[in-house]
Amino acid sequence: MFQCTTNVLANRQLAKSTFLIRLEAPALARAICPGQFLMLRVPGTTDPLLGRPFALYDTVRDDHGEPIAIDVVYLVVGKMTKLLAEMRPGDRLETWGPLGIGFPPLPNPPPSTGGGQGDGDHVGLVAGGIGQTPFLAYIRDLLGTQGYGGKPARRQCQKVSLFYGVRAAELAAGVDDFRAAGAEVQLASDDGSVGFHGFVTQLLEQQISQVGPSHLVGCGPEPMLHALAELAKKYKLQCHVSLETPMACGVGICFSCVTKICVEGGWDYRRVCVDGPVFDAANVVW
């Protein structure tokens, strides 16, 4: 883990109340992997006192291909994110990471069986709200167009689909980035202003019931992740979820981010910051 004070290189708006902030952090950019996160804190203030967790959106590379910076996407919802939205190039942020266990390598995919069981070489990413933020780097990692954490790029599947649900069209952030990275993007909205009118899990089930992905990965609000886990169970699909759990330290000391995970004989608490944030959906006690 690296702990440092980083320079803000850029901070721009992507969608309504949604911004991308770029941080100059070469050591962190070289080490971090898709699915991991970092903690950010505004120096010189005690309100808020504690840092906040933010997923890796992507790393930034120089002309020689060396990672030099990190992009983080955030939604303005509280004191910390309001302060972030006011930052300009040259401002400073306390940063520590990489933290957590990222997305696991995909197992050898099963062959396509048809009949609604999924295409064995097709990964479906399912996002709700601001849950799309870990997926840009993961798309590049899955398709083998970029390596992370010092590892060379390796293609893990032939197709990646992003199923992205928002309340309204104005909140959809980063869609062009995901398409440029090679993902097929399908949108759902609560109000019907973009894409499918309804929940993103309803959109997903339409695809699964035909010939959809064989491996699902979700990030977003807990009710959405619970519904995703039930879909995976129904259609007998592999599924991992990245939990959006509030954290205080990010390094496993405070035990404020625990979640219930199935163990032999029942369940036990696991710290999302060090044992996750990515878990097998079948092991989460919803």
C-alpha atoms as a PDB file:
ATOM      1  CA  MET A   1       0.000   0.000   0.000  1.00  0.00           C
ATOM      2  CA  PHE A   2       1.174   3.520  -0.817  1.00  0.00           C
ATOM      3  CA  GLN A   3       0.214   6.573   1.227  1.00  0.00           C
ATOM      4  CA  CYS A   4       0.975   9.983  -0.204  1.00  0.00           C
ATOM      5  CA  THR A   5      -0.329  13.441  -0.968  1.00  0.00           C
ATOM      6  CA  THR A   6      -1.198  13.633  -4.654  1.00  0.00           C
ATOM      7  CA  ASN A   7      -1.634  16.485  -7.092  1.00  0.00           C
ATOM      8  CA  VAL A   8      -4.958  16.950  -8.855  1.00  0.00           C
ATOM      9  CA  LEU A   9      -4.286  17.025 -12.594  1.00  0.00           C
ATOM     10  CA  ALA A  10      -7.868  17.456 -13.839  1.00  0.00           C
ATOM     11  CA  ASN A  11     -11.437  17.472 -12.578  1.00  0.00           C
ATOM     12  CA  ARG A  12     -14.242  17.481 -15.138  1.00  0.00           C
ATOM     13  CA  GLN A  13     -17.953  16.802 -15.237  1.00  0.00           C
ATOM     14  CA  LEU A  14     -19.200  13.631 -16.963  1.00  0.00           C
ATOM     15  CA  ALA A  15     -22.941  13.793 -16.229  1.00  0.00           C
ATOM     16  CA  LYS A  16     -25.335  15.423 -13.805  1.00  0.00           C
ATOM     17  CA  SER A  17     -23.567  15.624 -10.405  1.00  0.00           C
ATOM     18  CA  THR A  18     -20.928  13.169 -11.677  1.00  0.00           C
ATOM     19  CA  PHE A  19     -17.258  14.081 -12.101  1.00  0.00           C
ATOM     20  CA  LEU A  20     -13.923  12.518 -13.033  1.00  0.00           C
ATOM     21  CA  ILE A  21     -10.888  13.552 -11.012  1.00  0.00           C
ATOM     22  CA  ARG A  22      -7.360  12.670 -12.173  1.00  0.00           C
ATOM     23  CA  LEU A  23      -4.605  12.208  -9.588  1.00  0.00           C
ATOM     24  CA  GLU A  24      -0.866  12.192 -10.184  1.00  0.00           C
ATOM     25  CA  ALA A  25       0.180   8.935  -8.473  1.00  0.00           C
ATOM     26  CA  PRO A  26       2.692   6.869 -10.510  1.00  0.00           C
ATOM     27  CA  ALA A  27       3.458   4.261  -7.826  1.00  0.00           C
ATOM     28  CA  LEU A  28      -0.216   3.690  -7.083  1.00  0.00           C
ATOM     29  CA  ALA A  29      -1.089   3.594 -10.798  1.00  0.00           C
ATOM     30  CA  ARG A  30       1.528   0.894 -11.379  1.00  0.00           C
ATOM     31  CA  ALA A  31       0.225  -1.274  -8.523  1.00  0.00           C
ATOM     32  CA  ILE A  32      -3.561  -1.015  -8.628  1.00  0.00           C
ATOM     33  CA  CYS A  33      -5.788  -3.582 -10.360  1.00  0.00           C
ATOM     34  CA  PRO A  34      -9.412  -3.455 -11.554  1.00  0.00           C
ATOM     35  CA  GLY A  35     -11.855  -3.909  -8.683  1.00  0.00           C
ATOM     36  CA  GLN A  36      -9.490  -2.423  -6.102  1.00  0.00           C
ATOM     37  CA  PHE A  37     -10.051   0.992  -4.549  1.00  0.00           C
ATOM     38  CA  LEU A  38      -8.250   3.881  -2.891  1.00  0.00           C
ATOM     39  CA  MET A  39      -9.086   6.165  -0.003  1.00  0.00           C
ATOM     40  CA  LEU A  40      -9.143   9.937  -0.463  1.00  0.00           C
ATOM     41  CA  ARG A  41      -9.098  12.652   2.164  1.00  0.00           C
ATOM     42  CA  VAL A  42      -8.941  16.443   1.853  1.00  0.00           C
ATOM     43  CA  PRO A  43      -5.892  17.660   3.811  1.00  0.00           C
ATOM     44  CA  GLY A  44      -6.159  20.488   6.294  1.00  0.00           C
ATOM     45  CA  THR A  45      -9.757  19.856   7.304  1.00  0.00           C
ATOM     46  CA  THR A  46     -11.556  17.918  10.018  1.00  0.00           C
ATOM     47  CA  ASP A  47     -14.953  18.081   8.320  1.00  0.00           C
ATOM     48  CA  PRO A  48     -15.019  15.416   7.075  1.00  0.00           C
ATOM     49  CA  LEU A  49     -12.352  13.953   9.307  1.00  0.00           C
ATOM     50  CA  LEU A  50     -12.143  10.500   7.723  1.00  0.00           C
ATOM     51  CA  GLY A  51     -11.276   9.471   4.195  1.00  0.00           C
ATOM     52  CA  ARG A  52     -13.728   7.994   1.729  1.00  0.00           C
ATOM     53  CA  PRO A  53     -13.331   4.947  -0.563  1.00  0.00           C
ATOM     54  CA  PHE A  54     -13.389   5.365  -4.344  1.00  0.00           C
ATOM     55  CA  ALA A  55     -13.074   2.662  -6.981  1.00  0.00           C
ATOM     56  CA  LEU A  56     -10.410   2.739  -9.657  1.00  0.00           C
ATOM     57  CA  TYR A  57     -11.970   4.008 -12.886  1.00  0.00           C
ATOM     58  CA  ASP A  58      -8.795   3.632 -14.921  1.00  0.00           C
ATOM     59  CA  THR A  59      -5.087   4.334 -14.974  1.00  0.00           C
ATOM     60  CA  VAL A  60      -3.471   6.979 -17.191  1.00  0.00           C
ATOM     61  CA  ARG A  61      -0.292   6.236 -19.111  1.00  0.00           C
ATOM     62  CA  ASP A  62       2.459   8.407 -20.571  1.00  0.00           C
ATOM     63  CA  ASP A  63       3.774   8.247 -24.144  1.00  0.00           C
ATOM     64  CA  HIS A  64       5.949   5.248 -23.214  1.00  0.00           C
ATOM     65  CA  GLY A  65       3.027   3.268 -21.799  1.00  0.00           C
ATOM     66  CA  GLU A  66       4.016   3.759 -18.165  1.00  0.00           C
ATOM     67  CA  PRO A  67       1.199   4.349 -15.630  1.00  0.00           C
ATOM     68  CA  ILE A  68       1.471   7.844 -14.183  1.00  0.00           C
ATOM     69  CA  ALA A  69      -1.971   8.794 -12.850  1.00  0.00           C
ATOM     70  CA  ILE A  70      -5.317   7.449 -11.686  1.00  0.00           C
ATOM     71  CA  ASP A  71      -8.830   8.426 -12.709  1.00  0.00           C
ATOM     72  CA  VAL A  72     -11.658   8.268 -10.168  1.00  0.00           C
ATOM     73  CA  VAL A  73     -15.318   8.934 -10.984  1.00  0.00           C
ATOM     74  CA  TYR A  74     -17.613  10.166  -8.199  1.00  0.00           C
ATOM     75  CA  LEU A  75     -21.176  11.309  -7.639  1.00  0.00           C
ATOM     76  CA  VAL A  76     -21.682  14.428  -5.525  1.00  0.00           C
ATOM     77  CA  VAL A  77     -23.813  13.301  -2.579  1.00  0.00           C
ATOM     78  CA  GLY A  78     -22.150  14.533   0.647  1.00  0.00           C
ATOM     79  CA  LYS A  79     -19.497  16.776   2.181  1.00  0.00           C
ATOM     80  CA  MET A  80     -16.484  14.918   0.792  1.00  0.00           C
ATOM     81  CA  THR A  81     -17.713  14.721  -2.775  1.00  0.00           C
ATOM     82  CA  LYS A  82     -18.828  18.363  -2.697  1.00  0.00           C
ATOM     83  CA  LEU A  83     -15.255  19.297  -1.741  1.00  0.00           C
ATOM     84  CA  LEU A  84     -13.901  17.100  -4.527  1.00  0.00           C
ATOM     85  CA  ALA A  85     -16.132  18.860  -7.070  1.00  0.00           C
ATOM     86  CA  GLU A  86     -14.569  22.199  -6.087  1.00  0.00           C
ATOM     87  CA  MET A  87     -10.981  21.017  -6.641  1.00  0.00           C
ATOM     88  CA  ARG A  88      -8.847  22.403  -9.435  1.00  0.00           C
ATOM     89  CA  PRO A  89      -5.530  21.323 -11.024  1.00  0.00           C
ATOM     90  CA  GLY A  90      -2.734  21.837  -8.522  1.00  0.00           C
ATOM     91  CA  ASP A  91      -4.879  21.138  -5.456  1.00  0.00           C
ATOM     92  CA  ARG A  92      -3.771  18.276  -3.202  1.00  0.00           C
ATOM     93  CA  LEU A  93      -5.447  15.152  -1.823  1.00  0.00           C
ATOM     94  CA  GLU A  94      -4.295  12.620   0.751  1.00  0.00           C
ATOM     95  CA  THR A  95      -4.394   9.212  -0.896  1.00  0.00           C
ATOM     96  CA  TRP A  96      -3.752   5.633   0.205  1.00  0.00           C
ATOM     97  CA  GLY A  97      -4.050   2.393  -1.733  1.00  0.00           C
ATOM     98  CA  PRO A  98      -4.358   0.116  -3.598  1.00  0.00           C
ATOM     99  CA  LEU A  99      -6.846  -1.461  -1.225  1.00  0.00           C
ATOM    100  CA  GLY A 100      -9.017  -4.548  -1.242  1.00  0.00           C
ATOM    101  CA  ILE A 101      -9.126  -7.618  -3.437  1.00  0.00           C
ATOM    102  CA  GLY A 102     -10.046  -6.868  -7.030  1.00  0.00           C
ATOM    103  CA  PHE A 103     -11.965  -8.847  -9.593  1.00  0.00           C
ATOM    104  CA  PRO A 104     -10.789 -12.463  -9.742  1.00  0.00           C
ATOM    105  CA  PRO A 105      -9.316 -13.935 -12.912  1.00  0.00           C
ATOM    106  CA  LEU A 106     -11.999 -15.651 -14.912  1.00  0.00           C
ATOM    107  CA  PRO A 107     -11.997 -19.443 -14.799  1.00  0.00           C
ATOM    108  CA  ASN A 108     -11.919 -21.278 -18.076  1.00  0.00           C
ATOM    109  CA  PRO A 109     -15.408 -20.458 -19.387  1.00  0.00           C
ATOM    110  CA  PRO A 110     -17.831 -23.331 -19.899  1.00  0.00           C
ATOM    111  CA  PRO A 111     -18.928 -23.954 -23.468  1.00  0.00           C
ATOM    112  CA  SER A 112     -22.134 -22.319 -24.608  1.00  0.00           C
ATOM    113  CA  THR A 113     -25.027 -24.656 -23.890  1.00  0.00           C
ATOM    114  CA  GLY A 114     -27.892 -22.597 -25.353  1.00  0.00           C
ATOM    115  CA  GLY A 115     -31.345 -22.710 -23.849  1.00  0.00           C
ATOM    116  CA  GLY A 116     -30.760 -19.593 -21.764  1.00  0.00           C
ATOM    117  CA  GLN A 117     -27.619 -20.899 -20.057  1.00  0.00           C
ATOM    118  CA  GLY A 118     -25.327 -18.259 -21.520  1.00  0.00           C
ATOM    119  CA  ASP A 119     -22.484 -17.892 -23.955  1.00  0.00           C
ATOM    120  CA  GLY A 120     -19.376 -19.358 -22.349  1.00  0.00           C
ATOM    121  CA  ASP A 121     -17.072 -16.631 -23.683  1.00  0.00           C
ATOM    122  CA  HIS A 122     -19.259 -13.648 -22.761  1.00  0.00           C
ATOM    123  CA  VAL A 123     -19.027 -11.612 -19.533  1.00  0.00           C
ATOM    124  CA  GLY A 124     -21.894  -9.410 -18.368  1.00  0.00           C
ATOM    125  CA  LEU A 125     -21.141  -6.420 -16.150  1.00  0.00           C
ATOM    126  CA  VAL A 126     -24.153  -5.064 -14.286  1.00  0.00           C
ATOM    127  CA  ALA A 127     -24.116  -1.555 -12.804  1.00  0.00           C
ATOM    128  CA  GLY A 128     -26.653   0.549 -10.973  1.00  0.00           C
ATOM    129  CA  GLY A 129     -26.356   4.176  -9.874  1.00  0.00           C
ATOM    130  CA  ILE A 130     -22.652   5.011  -9.571  1.00  0.00           C
ATOM    131  CA  GLY A 131     -21.743   1.301  -9.706  1.00  0.00           C
ATOM    132  CA  GLN A 132     -20.305   1.595 -13.221  1.00  0.00           C
ATOM    133  CA  THR A 133     -17.096   3.150 -11.885  1.00  0.00           C
ATOM    134  CA  PRO A 134     -15.001  -0.053 -11.428  1.00  0.00           C
ATOM    135  CA  PHE A 135     -15.817  -1.356 -14.885  1.00  0.00           C
ATOM    136  CA  LEU A 136     -13.790   0.695 -17.375  1.00  0.00           C
ATOM    137  CA  ALA A 137     -10.455  -0.761 -16.279  1.00  0.00           C
ATOM    138  CA  TYR A 138     -12.059  -4.192 -15.949  1.00  0.00           C
ATOM    139  CA  ILE A 139     -13.333  -4.081 -19.541  1.00  0.00           C
ATOM    140  CA  ARG A 140      -9.823  -3.367 -20.794  1.00  0.00           C
ATOM    141  CA  ASP A 141      -8.460  -6.119 -18.553  1.00  0.00           C
ATOM    142  CA  LEU A 142     -11.029  -8.690 -19.743  1.00  0.00           C
ATOM    143  CA  LEU A 143     -10.491  -7.898 -23.420  1.00  0.00           C
ATOM    144  CA  GLY A 144      -6.711  -7.881 -23.015  1.00  0.00           C
ATOM    145  CA  THR A 145      -6.148  -4.352 -24.282  1.00  0.00           C
ATOM    146  CA  GLN A 146      -4.341  -3.182 -21.145  1.00  0.00           C
ATOM    147  CA  GLY A 147      -2.513  -4.812 -18.247  1.00  0.00           C
ATOM    148  CA  TYR A 148      -2.731  -3.711 -14.621  1.00  0.00           C
ATOM    149  CA  GLY A 149      -0.741  -4.204 -11.435  1.00  0.00           C
ATOM    150  CA  GLY A 150       2.472  -4.851 -13.348  1.00  0.00           C
ATOM    151  CA  LYS A 151       0.944  -7.812 -15.198  1.00  0.00           C
ATOM    152  CA  PRO A 152       0.892  -8.051 -18.992  1.00  0.00           C
ATOM    153  CA  ALA A 153      -2.384  -7.753 -20.839  1.00  0.00           C
ATOM    154  CA  ARG A 154      -4.167 -11.089 -21.368  1.00  0.00           C
ATOM    155  CA  ARG A 155      -7.478 -11.593 -23.100  1.00  0.00           C
ATOM    156  CA  GLN A 156      -9.911 -13.472 -20.843  1.00  0.00           C
ATOM    157  CA  CYS A 157     -13.076 -13.470 -22.970  1.00  0.00           C
ATOM    158  CA  GLN A 158     -14.319 -12.597 -26.418  1.00  0.00           C
ATOM    159  CA  LYS A 159     -17.216 -10.309 -25.505  1.00  0.00           C
ATOM    160  CA  VAL A 160     -18.101  -7.941 -22.665  1.00  0.00           C
ATOM    161  CA  SER A 161     -21.555  -6.423 -22.199  1.00  0.00           C
ATOM    162  CA  LEU A 162     -22.299  -3.638 -19.731  1.00  0.00           C
ATOM    163  CA  PHE A 163     -25.870  -3.457 -18.441  1.00  0.00           C
ATOM    164  CA  TYR A 164     -26.099  -0.014 -16.834  1.00  0.00           C
ATOM    165  CA  GLY A 165     -29.128   1.219 -14.916  1.00  0.00           C
ATOM    166  CA  VAL A 166     -29.753   4.838 -13.894  1.00  0.00           C
ATOM    167  CA  ARG A 167     -32.703   6.810 -12.554  1.00  0.00           C
ATOM    168  CA  ALA A 168     -32.716   9.103 -15.613  1.00  0.00           C
ATOM    169  CA  ALA A 169     -30.713   9.698 -18.797  1.00  0.00           C
ATOM    170  CA  GLU A 170     -28.906  12.739 -17.382  1.00  0.00           C
ATOM    171  CA  LEU A 171     -27.172  10.528 -14.786  1.00  0.00           C
ATOM    172  CA  ALA A 172     -25.587   8.080 -17.261  1.00  0.00           C
ATOM    173  CA  ALA A 173     -21.843   8.723 -16.963  1.00  0.00           C
ATOM    174  CA  GLY A 174     -18.959   7.312 -18.985  1.00  0.00           C
ATOM    175  CA  VAL A 175     -21.030   5.489 -21.621  1.00  0.00           C
ATOM    176  CA  ASP A 176     -18.745   6.620 -24.460  1.00  0.00           C
ATOM    177  CA  ASP A 177     -15.697   5.463 -22.471  1.00  0.00           C
ATOM    178  CA  PHE A 178     -17.122   1.980 -22.049  1.00  0.00           C
ATOM    179  CA  ARG A 179     -18.018   1.657 -25.719  1.00  0.00           C
ATOM    180  CA  ALA A 180     -14.591   2.935 -26.785  1.00  0.00           C
ATOM    181  CA  ALA A 181     -13.020   0.282 -24.545  1.00  0.00           C
ATOM    182  CA  GLY A 182     -14.848  -2.410 -26.506  1.00  0.00           C
ATOM    183  CA  ALA A 183     -17.932  -3.187 -24.433  1.00  0.00           C
ATOM    184  CA  GLU A 184     -21.459  -3.507 -25.726  1.00  0.00           C
ATOM    185  CA  VAL A 185     -23.494  -1.083 -23.577  1.00  0.00           C
ATOM    186  CA  GLN A 186     -27.190  -1.509 -22.832  1.00  0.00           C
ATOM    187  CA  LEU A 187     -28.914   1.136 -20.730  1.00  0.00           C
ATOM    188  CA  ALA A 188     -31.960   0.990 -18.472  1.00  0.00           C
ATOM    189  CA  SER A 189     -33.661   3.889 -16.698  1.00  0.00           C
ATOM    190  CA  ASP A 190     -36.312   4.123 -14.011  1.00  0.00           C
ATOM    191  CA  ASP A 191     -38.187   6.863 -15.866  1.00  0.00           C
ATOM    192  CA  GLY A 192     -37.779   5.468 -19.380  1.00  0.00           C
ATOM    193  CA  SER A 193     -35.774   8.486 -20.582  1.00  0.00           C
ATOM    194  CA  VAL A 194     -33.022   6.272 -22.005  1.00  0.00           C
ATOM    195  CA  GLY A 195     -32.863   2.639 -23.041  1.00  0.00           C
ATOM    196  CA  PHE A 196     -35.023   0.017 -21.376  1.00  0.00           C
ATOM    197  CA  HIS A 197     -37.813   1.358 -19.137  1.00  0.00           C
ATOM    198  CA  GLY A 198     -37.368  -0.511 -15.857  1.00  0.00           C
ATOM    199  CA  PHE A 199     -34.747  -2.090 -13.636  1.00  0.00           C
ATOM    200  CA  VAL A 200     -31.401  -3.085 -15.101  1.00  0.00           C
ATOM    201  CA  THR A 201     -31.872  -6.615 -13.761  1.00  0.00           C
ATOM    202  CA  GLN A 202     -35.082  -6.885 -15.796  1.00  0.00           C
ATOM    203  CA  LEU A 203     -33.144  -5.872 -18.888  1.00  0.00           C
ATOM    204  CA  LEU A 204     -30.472  -8.415 -18.035  1.00  0.00           C
ATOM    205  CA  GLU A 205     -32.967 -11.246 -17.635  1.00  0.00           C
ATOM    206  CA  GLN A 206     -34.292 -10.620 -21.142  1.00  0.00           C
ATOM    207  CA  GLN A 207     -30.788 -11.265 -22.441  1.00  0.00           C
ATOM    208  CA  ILE A 208     -30.091 -14.272 -20.218  1.00  0.00           C
ATOM    209  CA  SER A 209     -33.334 -15.950 -21.237  1.00  0.00           C
ATOM    210  CA  GLN A 210     -32.055 -15.895 -24.815  1.00  0.00           C
ATOM    211  CA  VAL A 211     -28.293 -16.525 -24.998  1.00  0.00           C
ATOM    212  CA  GLY A 212     -26.593 -14.114 -22.653  1.00  0.00           C
ATOM    213  CA  PRO A 213     -23.374 -14.018 -20.629  1.00  0.00           C
ATOM    214  CA  SER A 214     -22.185 -17.010 -18.631  1.00  0.00           C
ATOM    215  CA  HIS A 215     -20.364 -14.936 -15.997  1.00  0.00           C
ATOM    216  CA  LEU A 216     -21.908 -11.918 -14.246  1.00  0.00           C
ATOM    217  CA  VAL A 217     -20.181  -9.179 -12.259  1.00  0.00           C
ATOM    218  CA  GLY A 218     -22.211  -6.516 -10.478  1.00  0.00           C
ATOM    219  CA  CYS A 219     -21.671  -3.255  -8.631  1.00  0.00           C
ATOM    220  CA  GLY A 220     -24.364  -0.940  -7.305  1.00  0.00           C
ATOM    221  CA  PRO A 221     -27.023  -0.627  -4.605  1.00  0.00           C
ATOM    222  CA  GLU A 222     -27.566  -3.694  -2.423  1.00  0.00           C
ATOM    223  CA  PRO A 223     -31.152  -4.368  -3.637  1.00  0.00           C
ATOM    224  CA  MET A 224     -29.850  -4.517  -7.200  1.00  0.00           C
ATOM    225  CA  LEU A 225     -27.011  -6.845  -6.229  1.00  0.00           C
ATOM    226  CA  HIS A 226     -29.432  -9.086  -4.346  1.00  0.00           C
ATOM    227  CA  ALA A 227     -31.660  -9.294  -7.423  1.00  0.00           C
ATOM    228  CA  LEU A 228     -28.595 -10.037  -9.546  1.00  0.00           C
ATOM    229  CA  ALA A 229     -27.565 -12.850  -7.205  1.00  0.00           C
ATOM    230  CA  GLU A 230     -31.058 -14.348  -7.485  1.00  0.00           C
ATOM    231  CA  LEU A 231     -30.872 -14.201 -11.286  1.00  0.00           C
ATOM    232  CA  ALA A 232     -27.497 -15.917 -11.263  1.00  0.00           C
ATOM    233  CA  LYS A 233     -28.891 -18.648  -9.023  1.00  0.00           C
ATOM    234  CA  LYS A 234     -31.986 -19.069 -11.194  1.00  0.00           C
ATOM    235  CA  TYR A 235     -29.987 -19.466 -14.405  1.00  0.00           C
ATOM    236  CA  LYS A 236     -27.026 -21.271 -12.786  1.00  0.00           C
ATOM    237  CA  LEU A 237     -24.500 -18.596 -13.736  1.00  0.00           C
ATOM    238  CA  GLN A 238     -21.248 -17.622 -12.054  1.00  0.00           C
ATOM    239  CA  CYS A 239     -21.594 -14.225 -10.373  1.00  0.00           C
ATOM    240  CA  HIS A 240     -19.357 -11.881  -8.397  1.00  0.00           C
ATOM    241  CA  VAL A 241     -20.426  -8.630  -6.763  1.00  0.00           C
ATOM    242  CA  SER A 242     -18.483  -5.576  -5.654  1.00  0.00           C
ATOM    243  CA  LEU A 243     -20.108  -4.232  -2.506  1.00  0.00           C
ATOM    244  CA  GLU A 244     -20.620  -0.495  -1.947  1.00  0.00           C
ATOM    245  CA  THR A 245     -20.105  -0.459   1.812  1.00  0.00           C
ATOM    246  CA  PRO A 246     -19.280   2.702   3.830  1.00  0.00           C
ATOM    247  CA  MET A 247     -15.746   2.556   5.264  1.00  0.00           C
ATOM    248  CA  ALA A 248     -13.784   4.516   7.832  1.00  0.00           C
ATOM    249  CA  CYS A 249     -10.184   3.340   7.482  1.00  0.00           C
ATOM    250  CA  GLY A 250     -10.074   1.122   4.385  1.00  0.00           C
ATOM    251  CA  VAL A 251      -7.332  -1.091   5.834  1.00  0.00           C
ATOM    252  CA  GLY A 252      -9.227  -3.477   8.111  1.00  0.00           C
ATOM    253  CA  ILE A 253      -8.586  -1.820  11.472  1.00  0.00           C
ATOM    254  CA  CYS A 254     -11.964  -0.363  12.403  1.00  0.00           C
ATOM    255  CA  PHE A 255     -14.309  -3.256  11.432  1.00  0.00           C
ATOM    256  CA  SER A 256     -16.956  -0.729  10.324  1.00  0.00           C
ATOM    257  CA  CYS A 257     -17.528  -2.290   6.891  1.00  0.00           C
ATOM    258  CA  VAL A 258     -18.347  -5.889   7.771  1.00  0.00           C
ATOM    259  CA  THR A 259     -20.810  -7.986   5.793  1.00  0.00           C
ATOM    260  CA  LYS A 260     -22.250 -11.447   6.385  1.00  0.00           C
ATOM    261  CA  ILE A 261     -20.608 -14.217   4.348  1.00  0.00           C
ATOM    262  CA  CYS A 262     -21.525 -17.901   4.310  1.00  0.00           C
ATOM    263  CA  VAL A 263     -19.050 -20.236   6.012  1.00  0.00           C
ATOM    264  CA  GLU A 264     -19.193 -23.880   6.919  1.00  0.00           C
ATOM    265  CA  GLY A 265     -21.972 -24.323   9.460  1.00  0.00           C
ATOM    266  CA  GLY A 266     -23.531 -20.869   9.026  1.00  0.00           C
ATOM    267  CA  TRP A 267     -22.172 -17.370   8.426  1.00  0.00           C
ATOM    268  CA  ASP A 268     -19.522 -15.025   9.741  1.00  0.00           C
ATOM    269  CA  TYR A 269     -18.578 -11.386   9.296  1.00  0.00           C
ATOM    270  CA  ARG A 270     -15.965 -10.405   6.719  1.00  0.00           C
ATOM    271  CA  ARG A 271     -14.413  -6.977   6.274  1.00  0.00           C
ATOM    272  CA  VAL A 272     -15.311  -5.578   2.881  1.00  0.00           C
ATOM    273  CA  CYS A 273     -12.147  -3.454   2.733  1.00  0.00           C
ATOM    274  CA  VAL A 274      -9.647  -6.325   3.065  1.00  0.00           C
ATOM    275  CA  ASP A 275     -11.644  -9.488   2.284  1.00  0.00           C
ATOM    276  CA  GLY A 276     -13.509  -7.780  -0.577  1.00  0.00           C
ATOM    277  CA  PRO A 277     -14.951  -5.584  -1.931  1.00  0.00           C
ATOM    278  CA  VAL A 278     -15.497  -8.347  -4.509  1.00  0.00           C
ATOM    279  CA  PHE A 279     -17.253 -11.508  -3.294  1.00  0.00           C
ATOM    280  CA  ASP A 280     -18.851 -14.536  -4.863  1.00  0.00           C
ATOM    281  CA  ALA A 281     -22.542 -13.582  -4.906  1.00  0.00           C
ATOM    282  CA  ALA A 282     -23.546 -17.081  -3.804  1.00  0.00           C
ATOM    283  CA  ASN A 283     -21.611 -16.599  -0.530  1.00  0.00           C
ATOM    284  CA  VAL A 284     -23.170 -13.286   0.495  1.00  0.00           C
ATOM    285  CA  VAL A 285     -25.928 -13.437   3.131  1.00  0.00           C
ATOM    286  CA  TRP A 286     -28.440 -11.002   1.669  1.00  0.00           C
END
